[in-house]
Amino acid sequence: MIESFAPIYDKNCRVLILGSCPSVQSLAKGEYYGNRQNRFWRVMFRLLGEEYSDDYSVKTGMLLRHGVALWDTIGSCARQGSLDSAIKDVRPNDVAALIRGGGVRCVALNGGKAKAVFRQKVDADVVFLPSTSPANARMDFETLFSVWQKTLSPYLY
């Protein structure tokens, strides 16, 4: 069984980005989006106007400074490898409880599996974003960034 990480969250967050569950590389590093081929961190640094850093504490600090929380839709599951298509026996995270009473105005679902698993009623807008995963090879970085920017900008600034 794979267990998701604790959320990166505080009561000042306006946006909550939800992935599916950590990849094998992310689990080994103990970091969200730990696969260097995943474009999540490059998208977020550029979207938030910050200089890129590989330092995980810089990454997570940047998110919180800009009111962005990060978690997964899946609390635990069974999976061989890192592909979302291999996920079985899903136990979802209680996203509604996490954001209750906070300032989250938008829940953004990063990829198809996050969208498929998320079935909770929340007091926030719910938006779907194309996956930053390297498995989403049909979308180049500039197109991916453009979609993320257009969708999240109203909630970030």
N, C-alpha and C. Protein backbone atom coordinates (compact mmCIF):
# COMPACT_ATOMS: atom_id res chain seq x y z
N MET A 1 0.84 -1.19 0.00
CA MET A 1 0.00 0.00 0.00
C MET A 1 0.88 1.26 0.00
N ILE A 2 0.46 2.22 -0.75
CA ILE A 2 1.12 3.51 -0.84
C ILE A 2 0.33 4.50 0.00
N GLU A 3 1.01 5.27 0.82
CA GLU A 3 0.38 6.32 1.62
C GLU A 3 0.78 7.67 1.05
N SER A 4 -0.19 8.58 0.98
CA SER A 4 0.13 9.92 0.49
C SER A 4 0.87 10.70 1.58
N PHE A 5 1.45 11.81 1.18
CA PHE A 5 2.15 12.69 2.10
C PHE A 5 1.14 13.55 2.85
N ALA A 6 1.60 14.16 3.93
CA ALA A 6 0.78 15.15 4.63
C ALA A 6 0.58 16.35 3.71
N PRO A 7 -0.52 17.05 3.86
CA PRO A 7 -0.73 18.22 3.00
C PRO A 7 0.25 19.35 3.32
N ILE A 8 0.56 20.12 2.31
CA ILE A 8 1.26 21.38 2.49
C ILE A 8 0.14 22.41 2.50
N TYR A 9 -0.14 22.97 3.66
CA TYR A 9 -1.35 23.76 3.81
C TYR A 9 -1.25 24.65 5.04
N ASP A 10 -1.81 25.84 4.94
CA ASP A 10 -2.10 26.64 6.11
C ASP A 10 -3.39 27.40 5.85
N LYS A 11 -3.92 28.03 6.86
CA LYS A 11 -5.24 28.69 6.76
C LYS A 11 -5.25 29.87 5.81
N ASN A 12 -4.08 30.33 5.33
CA ASN A 12 -4.01 31.46 4.40
C ASN A 12 -4.09 31.01 2.94
N CYS A 13 -4.16 29.72 2.70
CA CYS A 13 -4.18 29.22 1.32
C CYS A 13 -5.51 29.51 0.64
N ARG A 14 -5.41 29.99 -0.60
CA ARG A 14 -6.59 30.30 -1.42
C ARG A 14 -6.82 29.24 -2.50
N VAL A 15 -5.75 28.52 -2.86
CA VAL A 15 -5.81 27.49 -3.90
C VAL A 15 -5.26 26.20 -3.31
N LEU A 16 -5.96 25.11 -3.56
CA LEU A 16 -5.47 23.78 -3.19
C LEU A 16 -5.32 22.98 -4.46
N ILE A 17 -4.09 22.56 -4.75
CA ILE A 17 -3.82 21.72 -5.92
C ILE A 17 -3.74 20.28 -5.45
N LEU A 18 -4.52 19.43 -6.11
CA LEU A 18 -4.57 18.01 -5.75
C LEU A 18 -4.05 17.16 -6.90
N GLY A 19 -3.05 16.33 -6.61
CA GLY A 19 -2.61 15.31 -7.54
C GLY A 19 -3.34 14.01 -7.22
N SER A 20 -2.85 12.91 -7.75
CA SER A 20 -3.47 11.61 -7.46
C SER A 20 -2.79 10.99 -6.24
N CYS A 21 -1.56 10.50 -6.41
CA CYS A 21 -0.77 9.96 -5.30
C CYS A 21 0.70 10.00 -5.72
N PRO A 22 1.61 9.94 -4.75
CA PRO A 22 3.03 10.08 -5.08
C PRO A 22 3.56 8.96 -5.98
N SER A 23 4.46 9.35 -6.88
CA SER A 23 5.14 8.38 -7.74
C SER A 23 6.20 7.64 -6.93
N VAL A 24 6.77 6.61 -7.54
CA VAL A 24 7.85 5.86 -6.90
C VAL A 24 9.01 6.80 -6.55
N GLN A 25 9.38 7.69 -7.47
CA GLN A 25 10.48 8.63 -7.21
C GLN A 25 10.12 9.62 -6.11
N SER A 26 8.89 10.09 -6.10
CA SER A 26 8.45 11.02 -5.05
C SER A 26 8.49 10.34 -3.69
N LEU A 27 8.03 9.09 -3.63
CA LEU A 27 8.06 8.35 -2.37
C LEU A 27 9.49 8.16 -1.88
N ALA A 28 10.40 7.83 -2.79
CA ALA A 28 11.80 7.62 -2.42
C ALA A 28 12.43 8.91 -1.88
N LYS A 29 12.07 10.05 -2.45
CA LYS A 29 12.61 11.34 -2.01
C LYS A 29 11.83 11.94 -0.85
N GLY A 30 10.60 11.48 -0.63
CA GLY A 30 9.76 12.06 0.40
C GLY A 30 9.28 13.45 0.04
N GLU A 31 9.08 13.69 -1.27
CA GLU A 31 8.70 15.01 -1.77
C GLU A 31 7.59 14.91 -2.80
N TYR A 32 6.66 15.86 -2.75
CA TYR A 32 5.68 15.97 -3.83
C TYR A 32 6.40 16.25 -5.14
N TYR A 33 5.96 15.61 -6.21
CA TYR A 33 6.50 15.81 -7.56
C TYR A 33 8.03 15.68 -7.57
N GLY A 34 8.50 14.58 -7.00
CA GLY A 34 9.93 14.34 -6.89
C GLY A 34 10.60 13.87 -8.17
N ASN A 35 9.82 13.47 -9.17
CA ASN A 35 10.37 13.08 -10.46
C ASN A 35 10.78 14.35 -11.21
N ARG A 36 12.04 14.48 -11.52
CA ARG A 36 12.54 15.70 -12.19
C ARG A 36 11.88 15.92 -13.55
N GLN A 37 11.34 14.88 -14.14
CA GLN A 37 10.67 15.02 -15.43
C GLN A 37 9.26 15.60 -15.29
N ASN A 38 8.71 15.57 -14.08
CA ASN A 38 7.39 16.15 -13.86
C ASN A 38 7.53 17.67 -13.92
N ARG A 39 6.60 18.32 -14.59
CA ARG A 39 6.72 19.77 -14.84
C ARG A 39 6.04 20.63 -13.79
N PHE A 40 5.51 20.02 -12.75
CA PHE A 40 4.77 20.77 -11.74
C PHE A 40 5.57 21.94 -11.17
N TRP A 41 6.78 21.67 -10.68
CA TRP A 41 7.54 22.74 -10.02
C TRP A 41 7.94 23.84 -11.00
N ARG A 42 8.30 23.48 -12.21
CA ARG A 42 8.64 24.52 -13.21
C ARG A 42 7.43 25.40 -13.51
N VAL A 43 6.26 24.77 -13.62
CA VAL A 43 5.03 25.54 -13.86
C VAL A 43 4.77 26.49 -12.70
N MET A 44 4.86 25.99 -11.48
CA MET A 44 4.53 26.82 -10.31
C MET A 44 5.51 27.96 -10.11
N PHE A 45 6.81 27.70 -10.25
CA PHE A 45 7.78 28.79 -10.09
C PHE A 45 7.51 29.90 -11.11
N ARG A 46 7.28 29.50 -12.33
CA ARG A 46 7.02 30.51 -13.38
C ARG A 46 5.69 31.21 -13.13
N LEU A 47 4.66 30.47 -12.78
CA LEU A 47 3.35 31.05 -12.54
C LEU A 47 3.38 32.06 -11.39
N LEU A 48 4.16 31.76 -10.37
CA LEU A 48 4.23 32.62 -9.20
C LEU A 48 5.34 33.67 -9.28
N GLY A 49 6.05 33.69 -10.42
CA GLY A 49 7.06 34.72 -10.64
C GLY A 49 8.28 34.60 -9.75
N GLU A 50 8.67 33.39 -9.44
CA GLU A 50 9.81 33.13 -8.56
C GLU A 50 10.94 32.46 -9.34
N GLU A 51 12.15 32.65 -8.87
CA GLU A 51 13.31 32.00 -9.48
C GLU A 51 13.34 30.53 -9.06
N TYR A 52 13.53 29.63 -10.02
CA TYR A 52 13.49 28.19 -9.77
C TYR A 52 14.58 27.77 -8.79
N SER A 53 14.23 26.82 -7.93
CA SER A 53 15.18 26.20 -7.01
C SER A 53 14.86 24.72 -6.90
N ASP A 54 15.89 23.90 -6.75
CA ASP A 54 15.70 22.47 -6.51
C ASP A 54 15.49 22.15 -5.04
N ASP A 55 15.69 23.13 -4.16
CA ASP A 55 15.56 22.93 -2.73
C ASP A 55 14.09 22.76 -2.37
N TYR A 56 13.75 21.62 -1.78
CA TYR A 56 12.35 21.32 -1.50
C TYR A 56 11.73 22.30 -0.50
N SER A 57 12.49 22.72 0.48
CA SER A 57 11.94 23.68 1.44
C SER A 57 11.65 25.03 0.77
N VAL A 58 12.45 25.40 -0.22
CA VAL A 58 12.18 26.62 -0.99
C VAL A 58 10.89 26.43 -1.79
N LYS A 59 10.74 25.28 -2.40
CA LYS A 59 9.54 24.99 -3.19
C LYS A 59 8.28 25.09 -2.34
N THR A 60 8.27 24.39 -1.21
CA THR A 60 7.06 24.38 -0.38
C THR A 60 6.82 25.75 0.26
N GLY A 61 7.88 26.43 0.65
CA GLY A 61 7.74 27.77 1.21
C GLY A 61 7.15 28.74 0.20
N MET A 62 7.57 28.62 -1.07
CA MET A 62 7.03 29.46 -2.12
C MET A 62 5.53 29.26 -2.26
N LEU A 63 5.09 28.01 -2.27
CA LEU A 63 3.66 27.74 -2.39
C LEU A 63 2.88 28.43 -1.28
N LEU A 64 3.30 28.23 -0.05
CA LEU A 64 2.57 28.80 1.08
C LEU A 64 2.60 30.33 1.08
N ARG A 65 3.72 30.92 0.71
CA ARG A 65 3.81 32.39 0.61
C ARG A 65 2.80 32.96 -0.37
N HIS A 66 2.51 32.19 -1.41
CA HIS A 66 1.58 32.63 -2.45
C HIS A 66 0.16 32.08 -2.24
N GLY A 67 -0.09 31.47 -1.09
CA GLY A 67 -1.44 31.00 -0.80
C GLY A 67 -1.85 29.74 -1.53
N VAL A 68 -0.88 28.88 -1.84
CA VAL A 68 -1.15 27.64 -2.57
C VAL A 68 -0.87 26.45 -1.66
N ALA A 69 -1.86 25.58 -1.54
CA ALA A 69 -1.73 24.34 -0.78
C ALA A 69 -1.56 23.18 -1.76
N LEU A 70 -1.02 22.08 -1.27
CA LEU A 70 -0.75 20.92 -2.12
C LEU A 70 -1.07 19.65 -1.34
N TRP A 71 -1.80 18.74 -2.00
CA TRP A 71 -2.13 17.46 -1.40
C TRP A 71 -2.47 16.50 -2.51
N ASP A 72 -2.93 15.31 -2.17
CA ASP A 72 -3.37 14.31 -3.14
C ASP A 72 -4.81 13.92 -2.87
N THR A 73 -5.50 13.52 -3.91
CA THR A 73 -6.88 13.04 -3.74
C THR A 73 -6.89 11.68 -3.06
N ILE A 74 -5.82 10.91 -3.23
CA ILE A 74 -5.76 9.55 -2.71
C ILE A 74 -4.93 9.52 -1.43
N GLY A 75 -5.54 9.03 -0.35
CA GLY A 75 -4.83 8.88 0.92
C GLY A 75 -3.96 7.64 0.94
N SER A 76 -4.48 6.56 0.37
CA SER A 76 -3.69 5.33 0.23
C SER A 76 -4.28 4.52 -0.91
N CYS A 77 -3.42 3.67 -1.48
CA CYS A 77 -3.84 2.81 -2.58
C CYS A 77 -2.79 1.73 -2.79
N ALA A 78 -3.13 0.78 -3.64
CA ALA A 78 -2.17 -0.22 -4.09
C ALA A 78 -1.77 0.16 -5.51
N ARG A 79 -0.48 0.02 -5.82
CA ARG A 79 -0.02 0.34 -7.17
C ARG A 79 1.37 -0.25 -7.39
N GLN A 80 1.57 -0.85 -8.55
CA GLN A 80 2.89 -1.28 -9.01
C GLN A 80 3.41 -0.20 -9.94
N GLY A 81 4.58 0.34 -9.67
CA GLY A 81 5.14 1.40 -10.51
C GLY A 81 4.52 2.75 -10.19
N SER A 82 4.56 3.66 -11.18
CA SER A 82 4.10 5.03 -10.94
C SER A 82 2.90 5.44 -11.78
N LEU A 83 2.45 4.60 -12.69
CA LEU A 83 1.36 5.01 -13.57
C LEU A 83 0.03 5.06 -12.82
N ASP A 84 -0.71 6.13 -13.05
CA ASP A 84 -2.03 6.26 -12.43
C ASP A 84 -2.97 5.14 -12.87
N SER A 85 -2.78 4.63 -14.07
CA SER A 85 -3.64 3.55 -14.57
C SER A 85 -3.49 2.26 -13.76
N ALA A 86 -2.41 2.13 -12.98
CA ALA A 86 -2.18 0.93 -12.18
C ALA A 86 -2.74 1.05 -10.76
N ILE A 87 -3.35 2.17 -10.42
CA ILE A 87 -3.86 2.40 -9.06
C ILE A 87 -5.10 1.54 -8.81
N LYS A 88 -5.10 0.88 -7.63
CA LYS A 88 -6.24 0.06 -7.19
C LYS A 88 -6.49 0.32 -5.71
N ASP A 89 -7.62 -0.14 -5.24
CA ASP A 89 -7.94 -0.10 -3.80
C ASP A 89 -7.74 1.29 -3.20
N VAL A 90 -8.41 2.26 -3.77
CA VAL A 90 -8.25 3.66 -3.40
C VAL A 90 -9.01 4.00 -2.12
N ARG A 91 -8.31 4.68 -1.22
CA ARG A 91 -8.93 5.32 -0.05
C ARG A 91 -8.66 6.82 -0.21
N PRO A 92 -9.69 7.62 -0.47
CA PRO A 92 -9.46 9.04 -0.73
C PRO A 92 -9.13 9.83 0.54
N ASN A 93 -8.42 10.94 0.34
CA ASN A 93 -8.19 11.89 1.42
C ASN A 93 -9.46 12.71 1.63
N ASP A 94 -9.67 13.19 2.85
CA ASP A 94 -10.84 14.01 3.18
C ASP A 94 -10.52 15.48 2.93
N VAL A 95 -10.61 15.86 1.68
CA VAL A 95 -10.28 17.22 1.25
C VAL A 95 -11.23 18.23 1.88
N ALA A 96 -12.50 17.90 1.92
CA ALA A 96 -13.49 18.83 2.47
C ALA A 96 -13.15 19.19 3.92
N ALA A 97 -12.72 18.22 4.70
CA ALA A 97 -12.36 18.48 6.10
C ALA A 97 -11.11 19.37 6.18
N LEU A 98 -10.17 19.15 5.29
CA LEU A 98 -8.94 19.95 5.31
C LEU A 98 -9.24 21.43 5.11
N ILE A 99 -10.08 21.74 4.15
CA ILE A 99 -10.28 23.15 3.80
C ILE A 99 -11.44 23.81 4.54
N ARG A 100 -12.20 23.05 5.29
CA ARG A 100 -13.34 23.61 6.03
C ARG A 100 -12.87 24.72 6.96
N GLY A 101 -13.47 25.87 6.83
CA GLY A 101 -13.14 26.99 7.70
C GLY A 101 -11.92 27.78 7.28
N GLY A 102 -11.26 27.36 6.22
CA GLY A 102 -10.09 28.08 5.73
C GLY A 102 -10.47 29.02 4.60
N GLY A 103 -9.47 29.49 3.88
CA GLY A 103 -9.71 30.46 2.82
C GLY A 103 -9.63 29.92 1.41
N VAL A 104 -9.63 28.59 1.25
CA VAL A 104 -9.49 28.01 -0.09
C VAL A 104 -10.72 28.39 -0.93
N ARG A 105 -10.45 29.02 -2.07
CA ARG A 105 -11.51 29.42 -3.01
C ARG A 105 -11.53 28.55 -4.25
N CYS A 106 -10.43 27.79 -4.46
CA CYS A 106 -10.33 26.97 -5.66
C CYS A 106 -9.61 25.67 -5.34
N VAL A 107 -10.20 24.57 -5.75
CA VAL A 107 -9.55 23.26 -5.70
C VAL A 107 -9.22 22.90 -7.14
N ALA A 108 -7.92 22.73 -7.42
CA ALA A 108 -7.45 22.44 -8.77
C ALA A 108 -6.97 21.00 -8.84
N LEU A 109 -7.53 20.24 -9.77
CA LEU A 109 -7.21 18.83 -9.91
C LEU A 109 -6.17 18.65 -11.00
N ASN A 110 -4.99 18.14 -10.63
CA ASN A 110 -3.87 17.98 -11.54
C ASN A 110 -3.93 16.60 -12.19
N GLY A 111 -4.61 16.51 -13.32
CA GLY A 111 -4.64 15.27 -14.09
C GLY A 111 -5.93 14.49 -13.96
N GLY A 112 -6.07 13.53 -14.86
CA GLY A 112 -7.29 12.74 -14.98
C GLY A 112 -7.60 11.87 -13.78
N LYS A 113 -6.60 11.25 -13.17
CA LYS A 113 -6.86 10.37 -12.03
C LYS A 113 -7.33 11.19 -10.83
N ALA A 114 -6.72 12.35 -10.61
CA ALA A 114 -7.16 13.22 -9.52
C ALA A 114 -8.62 13.61 -9.74
N LYS A 115 -8.97 13.90 -10.97
CA LYS A 115 -10.35 14.26 -11.31
C LYS A 115 -11.29 13.08 -11.09
N ALA A 116 -10.87 11.89 -11.48
CA ALA A 116 -11.71 10.70 -11.36
C ALA A 116 -11.96 10.33 -9.89
N VAL A 117 -10.98 10.55 -9.03
CA VAL A 117 -11.09 10.16 -7.64
C VAL A 117 -11.86 11.20 -6.82
N PHE A 118 -11.73 12.47 -7.17
CA PHE A 118 -12.33 13.55 -6.37
C PHE A 118 -13.84 13.58 -6.56
N ARG A 119 -14.56 13.27 -5.50
CA ARG A 119 -16.02 13.25 -5.55
C ARG A 119 -16.61 13.91 -4.32
N GLN A 120 -15.95 14.96 -3.81
CA GLN A 120 -16.39 15.58 -2.57
C GLN A 120 -17.05 16.92 -2.84
N LYS A 121 -17.98 17.26 -1.99
CA LYS A 121 -18.58 18.59 -2.05
C LYS A 121 -17.73 19.51 -1.20
N VAL A 122 -17.26 20.58 -1.82
CA VAL A 122 -16.44 21.56 -1.12
C VAL A 122 -17.00 22.95 -1.38
N ASP A 123 -16.73 23.83 -0.45
CA ASP A 123 -17.17 25.21 -0.60
C ASP A 123 -16.07 26.00 -1.31
N ALA A 124 -15.84 25.63 -2.57
CA ALA A 124 -14.80 26.27 -3.40
C ALA A 124 -15.08 25.88 -4.84
N ASP A 125 -14.55 26.68 -5.75
CA ASP A 125 -14.61 26.30 -7.17
C ASP A 125 -13.70 25.10 -7.38
N VAL A 126 -14.10 24.18 -8.23
CA VAL A 126 -13.28 23.01 -8.56
C VAL A 126 -12.95 23.11 -10.05
N VAL A 127 -11.64 23.10 -10.35
CA VAL A 127 -11.19 23.20 -11.75
C VAL A 127 -10.31 22.02 -12.08
N PHE A 128 -10.32 21.64 -13.35
CA PHE A 128 -9.50 20.53 -13.84
C PHE A 128 -8.35 21.09 -14.66
N LEU A 129 -7.15 20.62 -14.37
CA LEU A 129 -5.95 21.04 -15.09
C LEU A 129 -5.30 19.84 -15.76
N PRO A 130 -4.68 20.05 -16.92
CA PRO A 130 -3.96 18.94 -17.55
C PRO A 130 -2.77 18.53 -16.68
N SER A 131 -2.49 17.27 -16.67
CA SER A 131 -1.43 16.71 -15.84
C SER A 131 -0.06 17.27 -16.18
N THR A 132 0.72 17.53 -15.12
CA THR A 132 2.11 17.95 -15.30
C THR A 132 3.04 16.75 -15.45
N SER A 133 2.50 15.56 -15.35
CA SER A 133 3.29 14.33 -15.43
C SER A 133 3.99 14.19 -16.78
N PRO A 134 5.18 13.56 -16.77
CA PRO A 134 5.83 13.28 -18.04
C PRO A 134 5.02 12.32 -18.92
N ALA A 135 4.07 11.60 -18.31
CA ALA A 135 3.20 10.72 -19.10
C ALA A 135 2.26 11.53 -20.01
N ASN A 136 2.07 12.81 -19.71
CA ASN A 136 1.26 13.70 -20.55
C ASN A 136 2.18 14.34 -21.59
N ALA A 137 2.77 13.53 -22.43
CA ALA A 137 3.76 14.00 -23.41
C ALA A 137 3.13 14.73 -24.60
N ARG A 138 1.84 14.59 -24.78
CA ARG A 138 1.20 15.25 -25.93
C ARG A 138 1.09 16.76 -25.75
N MET A 139 1.31 17.26 -24.51
CA MET A 139 1.21 18.68 -24.25
C MET A 139 2.59 19.25 -23.93
N ASP A 140 3.09 20.16 -24.78
CA ASP A 140 4.40 20.76 -24.51
C ASP A 140 4.31 21.71 -23.32
N PHE A 141 5.46 22.09 -22.79
CA PHE A 141 5.51 22.90 -21.58
C PHE A 141 4.77 24.23 -21.74
N GLU A 142 4.98 24.93 -22.84
CA GLU A 142 4.36 26.24 -23.02
C GLU A 142 2.83 26.16 -23.04
N THR A 143 2.29 25.14 -23.70
CA THR A 143 0.84 24.97 -23.73
C THR A 143 0.32 24.62 -22.34
N LEU A 144 1.01 23.70 -21.67
CA LEU A 144 0.64 23.31 -20.32
C LEU A 144 0.65 24.53 -19.39
N PHE A 145 1.72 25.30 -19.44
CA PHE A 145 1.83 26.48 -18.60
C PHE A 145 0.70 27.46 -18.89
N SER A 146 0.40 27.68 -20.14
CA SER A 146 -0.65 28.61 -20.53
C SER A 146 -2.01 28.22 -19.93
N VAL A 147 -2.33 26.94 -19.98
CA VAL A 147 -3.60 26.47 -19.41
C VAL A 147 -3.62 26.66 -17.90
N TRP A 148 -2.54 26.29 -17.23
CA TRP A 148 -2.47 26.46 -15.78
C TRP A 148 -2.57 27.94 -15.41
N GLN A 149 -1.86 28.79 -16.14
CA GLN A 149 -1.88 30.22 -15.84
C GLN A 149 -3.28 30.81 -16.02
N LYS A 150 -3.91 30.51 -17.14
CA LYS A 150 -5.24 31.04 -17.41
C LYS A 150 -6.25 30.57 -16.36
N THR A 151 -6.14 29.33 -15.93
CA THR A 151 -7.11 28.76 -15.00
C THR A 151 -6.89 29.24 -13.56
N LEU A 152 -5.63 29.31 -13.13
CA LEU A 152 -5.36 29.62 -11.71
C LEU A 152 -5.17 31.11 -11.41
N SER A 153 -4.81 31.91 -12.40
CA SER A 153 -4.54 33.33 -12.14
C SER A 153 -5.65 34.06 -11.40
N PRO A 154 -6.92 33.85 -11.72
CA PRO A 154 -7.96 34.58 -10.98
C PRO A 154 -7.97 34.30 -9.47
N TYR A 155 -7.42 33.17 -9.06
CA TYR A 155 -7.44 32.79 -7.66
C TYR A 155 -6.14 33.14 -6.93
N LEU A 156 -5.09 33.43 -7.69
CA LEU A 156 -3.77 33.65 -7.09
C LEU A 156 -3.47 35.12 -6.81
N TYR A 157 -4.03 35.99 -7.59
CA TYR A 157 -3.62 37.40 -7.50
C TYR A 157 -4.75 38.29 -7.03
